[in-house]
Amino acid sequence: RQHIIPKKGGYDQILQVLATGGTMVFLADQYAG
């Protein structure tokens, strides 16, 4: 039941998931520039 959102161009999908009370998973250990 895991769904993949593309890293490029997927920001609107992230907002939609959170707006409906969904769960986002992030691997937050990479260099951000």
PDB file of all heavy atoms in Angstrom:
ATOM      1  N   ARG A   1       0.832  -1.201   0.000  1.00  0.00           N
ATOM      2  CA  ARG A   1       0.000   0.000   0.000  1.00  0.00           C
ATOM      3  C   ARG A   1       0.867   1.252   0.000  1.00  0.00           C
ATOM      4  O   ARG A   1       0.472   2.293   0.512  1.00  0.00           O
ATOM      5  CB  ARG A   1      -0.944  -0.023   1.199  1.00  0.00           C
ATOM      6  CG  ARG A   1      -1.800  -1.271   1.246  1.00  0.00           C
ATOM      7  CD  ARG A   1      -2.781  -1.281   2.403  1.00  0.00           C
ATOM      8  NE  ARG A   1      -3.799  -0.251   2.279  1.00  0.00           N
ATOM      9  CZ  ARG A   1      -4.926  -0.222   2.986  1.00  0.00           C
ATOM     10  NH1 ARG A   1      -5.168  -1.194   3.857  1.00  0.00           N
ATOM     11  NH2 ARG A   1      -5.786   0.758   2.854  1.00  0.00           N
ATOM     12  N   GLN A   2       2.057   1.110  -0.552  1.00  0.00           N
ATOM     13  CA  GLN A   2       2.949   2.258  -0.677  1.00  0.00           C
ATOM     14  C   GLN A   2       2.841   2.816  -2.098  1.00  0.00           C
ATOM     15  O   GLN A   2       2.868   2.061  -3.069  1.00  0.00           O
ATOM     16  CB  GLN A   2       4.402   1.853  -0.399  1.00  0.00           C
ATOM     17  CG  GLN A   2       5.373   3.014  -0.471  1.00  0.00           C
ATOM     18  CD  GLN A   2       6.780   2.624  -0.032  1.00  0.00           C
ATOM     19  OE1 GLN A   2       7.393   3.273   0.792  1.00  0.00           O
ATOM     20  NE2 GLN A   2       7.290   1.544  -0.616  1.00  0.00           N
ATOM     21  N   HIS A   3       2.743   4.123  -2.202  1.00  0.00           N
ATOM     22  CA  HIS A   3       2.602   4.789  -3.490  1.00  0.00           C
ATOM     23  C   HIS A   3       3.808   5.707  -3.710  1.00  0.00           C
ATOM     24  O   HIS A   3       4.292   6.341  -2.773  1.00  0.00           O
ATOM     25  CB  HIS A   3       1.301   5.593  -3.533  1.00  0.00           C
ATOM     26  CG  HIS A   3       0.100   4.812  -3.070  1.00  0.00           C
ATOM     27  ND1 HIS A   3      -0.581   3.954  -3.886  1.00  0.00           N
ATOM     28  CD2 HIS A   3      -0.521   4.758  -1.859  1.00  0.00           C
ATOM     29  CE1 HIS A   3      -1.582   3.405  -3.218  1.00  0.00           C
ATOM     30  NE2 HIS A   3      -1.564   3.875  -1.969  1.00  0.00           N
ATOM     31  N   ILE A   4       4.265   5.767  -4.947  1.00  0.00           N
ATOM     32  CA  ILE A   4       5.464   6.532  -5.276  1.00  0.00           C
ATOM     33  C   ILE A   4       5.084   7.848  -5.946  1.00  0.00           C
ATOM     34  O   ILE A   4       4.285   7.866  -6.892  1.00  0.00           O
ATOM     35  CB  ILE A   4       6.403   5.727  -6.196  1.00  0.00           C
ATOM     36  CG1 ILE A   4       6.812   4.423  -5.510  1.00  0.00           C
ATOM     37  CG2 ILE A   4       7.641   6.545  -6.545  1.00  0.00           C
ATOM     38  CD1 ILE A   4       7.547   4.605  -4.202  1.00  0.00           C
ATOM     39  N   ILE A   5       5.661   8.928  -5.446  1.00  0.00           N
ATOM     40  CA  ILE A   5       5.494  10.247  -6.044  1.00  0.00           C
ATOM     41  C   ILE A   5       6.829  10.656  -6.657  1.00  0.00           C
ATOM     42  O   ILE A   5       7.857  10.583  -5.976  1.00  0.00           O
ATOM     43  CB  ILE A   5       5.053  11.289  -4.994  1.00  0.00           C
ATOM     44  CG1 ILE A   5       3.655  10.947  -4.475  1.00  0.00           C
ATOM     45  CG2 ILE A   5       5.072  12.699  -5.567  1.00  0.00           C
ATOM     46  CD1 ILE A   5       3.161  11.877  -3.390  1.00  0.00           C
ATOM     47  N   PRO A   6       6.860  11.054  -7.918  1.00  0.00           N
ATOM     48  CA  PRO A   6       8.141  11.413  -8.543  1.00  0.00           C
ATOM     49  C   PRO A   6       8.786  12.612  -7.864  1.00  0.00           C
ATOM     50  O   PRO A   6       8.097  13.561  -7.465  1.00  0.00           O
ATOM     51  CB  PRO A   6       7.763  11.714  -9.991  1.00  0.00           C
ATOM     52  CG  PRO A   6       6.302  12.039  -9.956  1.00  0.00           C
ATOM     53  CD  PRO A   6       5.727  11.212  -8.846  1.00  0.00           C
ATOM     54  N   LYS A   7      10.115  12.540  -7.713  1.00  0.00           N
ATOM     55  CA  LYS A   7      10.838  13.619  -7.061  1.00  0.00           C
ATOM     56  C   LYS A   7      10.732  14.920  -7.846  1.00  0.00           C
ATOM     57  O   LYS A   7      10.641  16.009  -7.270  1.00  0.00           O
ATOM     58  CB  LYS A   7      12.310  13.219  -6.905  1.00  0.00           C
ATOM     59  CG  LYS A   7      13.142  14.175  -6.075  1.00  0.00           C
ATOM     60  CD  LYS A   7      14.540  13.632  -5.866  1.00  0.00           C
ATOM     61  CE  LYS A   7      15.354  14.560  -4.992  1.00  0.00           C
ATOM     62  NZ  LYS A   7      16.728  14.020  -4.772  1.00  0.00           N
ATOM     63  N   LYS A   8      10.709  14.813  -9.153  1.00  0.00           N
ATOM     64  CA  LYS A   8      10.605  15.989 -10.011  1.00  0.00           C
ATOM     65  C   LYS A   8       9.148  16.204 -10.421  1.00  0.00           C
ATOM     66  O   LYS A   8       8.542  15.351 -11.052  1.00  0.00           O
ATOM     67  CB  LYS A   8      11.484  15.822 -11.261  1.00  0.00           C
ATOM     68  CG  LYS A   8      11.546  17.054 -12.138  1.00  0.00           C
ATOM     69  CD  LYS A   8      12.507  16.854 -13.302  1.00  0.00           C
ATOM     70  CE  LYS A   8      12.587  18.107 -14.162  1.00  0.00           C
ATOM     71  NZ  LYS A   8      13.522  17.932 -15.303  1.00  0.00           N
ATOM     72  N   GLY A   9       8.600  17.332 -10.022  1.00  0.00           N
ATOM     73  CA  GLY A   9       7.241  17.667 -10.411  1.00  0.00           C
ATOM     74  C   GLY A   9       6.152  17.039  -9.559  1.00  0.00           C
ATOM     75  O   GLY A   9       4.986  17.018  -9.964  1.00  0.00           O
ATOM     76  N   GLY A  10       6.516  16.529  -8.376  1.00  0.00           N
ATOM     77  CA  GLY A  10       5.516  15.862  -7.559  1.00  0.00           C
ATOM     78  C   GLY A  10       5.018  16.667  -6.376  1.00  0.00           C
ATOM     79  O   GLY A  10       4.292  16.132  -5.528  1.00  0.00           O
ATOM     80  N   TYR A  11       5.375  17.953  -6.307  1.00  0.00           N
ATOM     81  CA  TYR A  11       5.022  18.753  -5.133  1.00  0.00           C
ATOM     82  C   TYR A  11       3.513  18.892  -4.963  1.00  0.00           C
ATOM     83  O   TYR A  11       2.995  18.797  -3.837  1.00  0.00           O
ATOM     84  CB  TYR A  11       5.663  20.139  -5.229  1.00  0.00           C
ATOM     85  CG  TYR A  11       5.476  20.977  -3.984  1.00  0.00           C
ATOM     86  CD1 TYR A  11       6.109  20.639  -2.793  1.00  0.00           C
ATOM     87  CD2 TYR A  11       4.647  22.098  -3.991  1.00  0.00           C
ATOM     88  CE1 TYR A  11       5.935  21.398  -1.636  1.00  0.00           C
ATOM     89  CE2 TYR A  11       4.470  22.869  -2.843  1.00  0.00           C
ATOM     90  CZ  TYR A  11       5.121  22.513  -1.680  1.00  0.00           C
ATOM     91  OH  TYR A  11       4.942  23.262  -0.547  1.00  0.00           O
ATOM     92  N   ASP A  12       2.784  19.088  -6.059  1.00  0.00           N
ATOM     93  CA  ASP A  12       1.326  19.208  -5.956  1.00  0.00           C
ATOM     94  C   ASP A  12       0.704  17.926  -5.417  1.00  0.00           C
ATOM     95  O   ASP A  12      -0.286  17.978  -4.670  1.00  0.00           O
ATOM     96  CB  ASP A  12       0.734  19.544  -7.324  1.00  0.00           C
ATOM     97  CG  ASP A  12       1.064  20.968  -7.761  1.00  0.00           C
ATOM     98  OD1 ASP A  12       1.410  21.791  -6.887  1.00  0.00           O
ATOM     99  OD2 ASP A  12       0.994  21.258  -8.973  1.00  0.00           O
ATOM    100  N   GLN A  13       1.267  16.775  -5.786  1.00  0.00           N
ATOM    101  CA  GLN A  13       0.744  15.512  -5.260  1.00  0.00           C
ATOM    102  C   GLN A  13       0.993  15.397  -3.761  1.00  0.00           C
ATOM    103  O   GLN A  13       0.158  14.871  -3.016  1.00  0.00           O
ATOM    104  CB  GLN A  13       1.406  14.333  -5.989  1.00  0.00           C
ATOM    105  CG  GLN A  13       1.082  14.260  -7.474  1.00  0.00           C
ATOM    106  CD  GLN A  13       1.730  13.057  -8.131  1.00  0.00           C
ATOM    107  OE1 GLN A  13       1.588  11.929  -7.666  1.00  0.00           O
ATOM    108  NE2 GLN A  13       2.468  13.290  -9.210  1.00  0.00           N
ATOM    109  N   ILE A  14       2.155  15.890  -3.314  1.00  0.00           N
ATOM    110  CA  ILE A  14       2.451  15.875  -1.878  1.00  0.00           C
ATOM    111  C   ILE A  14       1.423  16.705  -1.119  1.00  0.00           C
ATOM    112  O   ILE A  14       0.890  16.280  -0.086  1.00  0.00           O
ATOM    113  CB  ILE A  14       3.868  16.410  -1.618  1.00  0.00           C
ATOM    114  CG1 ILE A  14       4.907  15.465  -2.218  1.00  0.00           C
ATOM    115  CG2 ILE A  14       4.115  16.606  -0.124  1.00  0.00           C
ATOM    116  CD1 ILE A  14       6.332  15.968  -2.123  1.00  0.00           C
ATOM    117  N   LEU A  15       1.124  17.889  -1.639  1.00  0.00           N
ATOM    118  CA  LEU A  15       0.134  18.756  -0.992  1.00  0.00           C
ATOM    119  C   LEU A  15      -1.235  18.098  -0.959  1.00  0.00           C
ATOM    120  O   LEU A  15      -1.971  18.225   0.031  1.00  0.00           O
ATOM    121  CB  LEU A  15       0.061  20.098  -1.727  1.00  0.00           C
ATOM    122  CG  LEU A  15       1.315  20.978  -1.698  1.00  0.00           C
ATOM    123  CD1 LEU A  15       1.073  22.269  -2.468  1.00  0.00           C
ATOM    124  CD2 LEU A  15       1.742  21.278  -0.265  1.00  0.00           C
ATOM    125  N   GLN A  16      -1.581  17.385  -2.016  1.00  0.00           N
ATOM    126  CA  GLN A  16      -2.873  16.713  -2.062  1.00  0.00           C
ATOM    127  C   GLN A  16      -2.949  15.594  -1.019  1.00  0.00           C
ATOM    128  O   GLN A  16      -3.982  15.413  -0.354  1.00  0.00           O
ATOM    129  CB  GLN A  16      -3.117  16.137  -3.460  1.00  0.00           C
ATOM    130  CG  GLN A  16      -4.490  15.512  -3.630  1.00  0.00           C
ATOM    131  CD  GLN A  16      -4.736  15.023  -5.050  1.00  0.00           C
ATOM    132  OE1 GLN A  16      -3.849  15.099  -5.897  1.00  0.00           O
ATOM    133  NE2 GLN A  16      -5.924  14.523  -5.293  1.00  0.00           N
ATOM    134  N   VAL A  17      -1.865  14.847  -0.862  1.00  0.00           N
ATOM    135  CA  VAL A  17      -1.829  13.775   0.136  1.00  0.00           C
ATOM    136  C   VAL A  17      -2.020  14.350   1.539  1.00  0.00           C
ATOM    137  O   VAL A  17      -2.820  13.850   2.342  1.00  0.00           O
ATOM    138  CB  VAL A  17      -0.503  12.999   0.054  1.00  0.00           C
ATOM    139  CG1 VAL A  17      -0.350  12.055   1.243  1.00  0.00           C
ATOM    140  CG2 VAL A  17      -0.427  12.208  -1.245  1.00  0.00           C
ATOM    141  N   LEU A  18      -1.297  15.420   1.844  1.00  0.00           N
ATOM    142  CA  LEU A  18      -1.389  16.014   3.179  1.00  0.00           C
ATOM    143  C   LEU A  18      -2.742  16.674   3.410  1.00  0.00           C
ATOM    144  O   LEU A  18      -3.256  16.672   4.532  1.00  0.00           O
ATOM    145  CB  LEU A  18      -0.256  17.031   3.363  1.00  0.00           C
ATOM    146  CG  LEU A  18       1.167  16.461   3.307  1.00  0.00           C
ATOM    147  CD1 LEU A  18       2.192  17.562   3.491  1.00  0.00           C
ATOM    148  CD2 LEU A  18       1.363  15.368   4.352  1.00  0.00           C
ATOM    149  N   ALA A  19      -3.324  17.237   2.347  1.00  0.00           N
ATOM    150  CA  ALA A  19      -4.633  17.884   2.488  1.00  0.00           C
ATOM    151  C   ALA A  19      -5.727  16.889   2.847  1.00  0.00           C
ATOM    152  O   ALA A  19      -6.731  17.258   3.467  1.00  0.00           O
ATOM    153  CB  ALA A  19      -4.987  18.612   1.193  1.00  0.00           C
ATOM    154  N   THR A  20      -5.539  15.633   2.478  1.00  0.00           N
ATOM    155  CA  THR A  20      -6.523  14.602   2.787  1.00  0.00           C
ATOM    156  C   THR A  20      -6.148  13.796   4.033  1.00  0.00           C
ATOM    157  O   THR A  20      -6.730  12.743   4.288  1.00  0.00           O
ATOM    158  CB  THR A  20      -6.678  13.644   1.594  1.00  0.00           C
ATOM    159  OG1 THR A  20      -5.399  13.087   1.251  1.00  0.00           O
ATOM    160  CG2 THR A  20      -7.240  14.383   0.387  1.00  0.00           C
ATOM    161  N   GLY A  21      -5.148  14.295   4.792  1.00  0.00           N
ATOM    162  CA  GLY A  21      -4.754  13.618   6.024  1.00  0.00           C
ATOM    163  C   GLY A  21      -3.912  12.384   5.798  1.00  0.00           C
ATOM    164  O   GLY A  21      -3.866  11.499   6.667  1.00  0.00           O
ATOM    165  N   GLY A  22      -3.223  12.314   4.651  1.00  0.00           N
ATOM    166  CA  GLY A  22      -2.414  11.148   4.326  1.00  0.00           C
ATOM    167  C   GLY A  22      -1.043  11.160   4.984  1.00  0.00           C
ATOM    168  O   GLY A  22      -0.705  12.046   5.768  1.00  0.00           O
ATOM    169  N   THR A  23      -0.247  10.147   4.638  1.00  0.00           N
ATOM    170  CA  THR A  23       1.080   9.970   5.225  1.00  0.00           C
ATOM    171  C   THR A  23       2.142  10.041   4.142  1.00  0.00           C
ATOM    172  O   THR A  23       2.087   9.290   3.153  1.00  0.00           O
ATOM    173  CB  THR A  23       1.187   8.612   5.937  1.00  0.00           C
ATOM    174  OG1 THR A  23       0.204   8.545   6.976  1.00  0.00           O
ATOM    175  CG2 THR A  23       2.561   8.418   6.539  1.00  0.00           C
ATOM    176  N   MET A  24       3.098  10.936   4.315  1.00  0.00           N
ATOM    177  CA  MET A  24       4.241  11.063   3.422  1.00  0.00           C
ATOM    178  C   MET A  24       5.484  10.486   4.102  1.00  0.00           C
ATOM    179  O   MET A  24       5.671  10.648   5.309  1.00  0.00           O
ATOM    180  CB  MET A  24       4.505  12.525   3.067  1.00  0.00           C
ATOM    181  CG  MET A  24       3.516  13.148   2.108  1.00  0.00           C
ATOM    182  SD  MET A  24       3.497  12.385   0.450  1.00  0.00           S
ATOM    183  CE  MET A  24       5.251  12.334   0.050  1.00  0.00           C
ATOM    184  N   VAL A  25       6.318   9.819   3.315  1.00  0.00           N
ATOM    185  CA  VAL A  25       7.566   9.248   3.825  1.00  0.00           C
ATOM    186  C   VAL A  25       8.735   9.922   3.107  1.00  0.00           C
ATOM    187  O   VAL A  25       8.759   9.988   1.873  1.00  0.00           O
ATOM    188  CB  VAL A  25       7.625   7.726   3.596  1.00  0.00           C
ATOM    189  CG1 VAL A  25       8.946   7.159   4.115  1.00  0.00           C
ATOM    190  CG2 VAL A  25       6.445   7.038   4.273  1.00  0.00           C
ATOM    191  N   PHE A  26       9.685  10.429   3.880  1.00  0.00           N
ATOM    192  CA  PHE A  26      10.857  11.105   3.318  1.00  0.00           C
ATOM    193  C   PHE A  26      12.132  10.464   3.858  1.00  0.00           C
ATOM    194  O   PHE A  26      12.235  10.176   5.059  1.00  0.00           O
ATOM    195  CB  PHE A  26      10.871  12.589   3.695  1.00  0.00           C
ATOM    196  CG  PHE A  26       9.734  13.391   3.130  1.00  0.00           C
ATOM    197  CD1 PHE A  26       8.611  13.665   3.904  1.00  0.00           C
ATOM    198  CD2 PHE A  26       9.781  13.883   1.832  1.00  0.00           C
ATOM    199  CE1 PHE A  26       7.565  14.409   3.394  1.00  0.00           C
ATOM    200  CE2 PHE A  26       8.736  14.621   1.318  1.00  0.00           C
ATOM    201  CZ  PHE A  26       7.625  14.892   2.093  1.00  0.00           C
ATOM    202  N   LEU A  27      13.100  10.249   2.978  1.00  0.00           N
ATOM    203  CA  LEU A  27      14.456   9.904   3.393  1.00  0.00           C
ATOM    204  C   LEU A  27      15.232  11.212   3.431  1.00  0.00           C
ATOM    205  O   LEU A  27      15.593  11.765   2.393  1.00  0.00           O
ATOM    206  CB  LEU A  27      15.089   8.909   2.418  1.00  0.00           C
ATOM    207  CG  LEU A  27      14.371   7.548   2.315  1.00  0.00           C
ATOM    208  CD1 LEU A  27      15.093   6.648   1.321  1.00  0.00           C
ATOM    209  CD2 LEU A  27      14.284   6.865   3.675  1.00  0.00           C
ATOM    210  N   ALA A  28      15.466  11.715   4.639  1.00  0.00           N
ATOM    211  CA  ALA A  28      15.907  13.100   4.812  1.00  0.00           C
ATOM    212  C   ALA A  28      17.380  13.221   5.164  1.00  0.00           C
ATOM    213  O   ALA A  28      17.771  14.053   5.975  1.00  0.00           O
ATOM    214  CB  ALA A  28      15.059  13.771   5.900  1.00  0.00           C
ATOM    215  N   ASP A  29      18.219  12.398   4.543  1.00  0.00           N
ATOM    216  CA  ASP A  29      19.634  12.411   4.918  1.00  0.00           C
ATOM    217  C   ASP A  29      20.558  12.720   3.740  1.00  0.00           C
ATOM    218  O   ASP A  29      21.748  12.419   3.799  1.00  0.00           O
ATOM    219  CB  ASP A  29      20.024  11.060   5.511  1.00  0.00           C
ATOM    220  CG  ASP A  29      19.841   9.926   4.518  1.00  0.00           C
ATOM    221  OD1 ASP A  29      18.873   9.957   3.735  1.00  0.00           O
ATOM    222  OD2 ASP A  29      20.665   8.993   4.520  1.00  0.00           O
ATOM    223  N   GLN A  30      20.033  13.323   2.680  1.00  0.00           N
ATOM    224  CA  GLN A  30      20.859  13.614   1.521  1.00  0.00           C
ATOM    225  C   GLN A  30      21.168  15.102   1.408  1.00  0.00           C
ATOM    226  O   GLN A  30      20.430  15.949   1.918  1.00  0.00           O
ATOM    227  CB  GLN A  30      20.175  13.118   0.240  1.00  0.00           C
ATOM    228  CG  GLN A  30      20.165  11.600   0.127  1.00  0.00           C
ATOM    229  CD  GLN A  30      19.627  11.127  -1.214  1.00  0.00           C
ATOM    230  OE1 GLN A  30      18.515  11.453  -1.598  1.00  0.00           O
ATOM    231  NE2 GLN A  30      20.409  10.356  -1.928  1.00  0.00           N
ATOM    232  N   TYR A  31      22.260  15.392   0.716  1.00  0.00           N
ATOM    233  CA  TYR A  31      22.719  16.764   0.521  1.00  0.00           C
ATOM    234  C   TYR A  31      21.653  17.570  -0.219  1.00  0.00           C
ATOM    235  O   TYR A  31      21.154  17.153  -1.259  1.00  0.00           O
ATOM    236  CB  TYR A  31      24.026  16.737  -0.267  1.00  0.00           C
ATOM    237  CG  TYR A  31      24.572  18.090  -0.644  1.00  0.00           C
ATOM    238  CD1 TYR A  31      25.064  18.960   0.322  1.00  0.00           C
ATOM    239  CD2 TYR A  31      24.627  18.486  -1.981  1.00  0.00           C
ATOM    240  CE1 TYR A  31      25.583  20.193  -0.027  1.00  0.00           C
ATOM    241  CE2 TYR A  31      25.147  19.718  -2.337  1.00  0.00           C
ATOM    242  CZ  TYR A  31      25.632  20.562  -1.352  1.00  0.00           C
ATOM    243  OH  TYR A  31      26.150  21.781  -1.704  1.00  0.00           O
ATOM    244  N   ALA A  32      21.319  18.755   0.308  1.00  0.00           N
ATOM    245  CA  ALA A  32      20.242  19.570  -0.260  1.00  0.00           C
ATOM    246  C   ALA A  32      20.747  20.785  -1.026  1.00  0.00           C
ATOM    247  O   ALA A  32      19.955  21.670  -1.350  1.00  0.00           O
ATOM    248  CB  ALA A  32      19.299  20.016   0.854  1.00  0.00           C
ATOM    249  N   GLY A  33      22.038  20.850  -1.305  1.00  0.00           N
ATOM    250  CA  GLY A  33      22.565  21.979  -2.072  1.00  0.00           C
ATOM    251  C   GLY A  33      22.987  23.130  -1.174  1.00  0.00           C
ATOM    252  O   GLY A  33      22.686  23.179   0.022  1.00  0.00           O
TER     253      GLY A  33
END
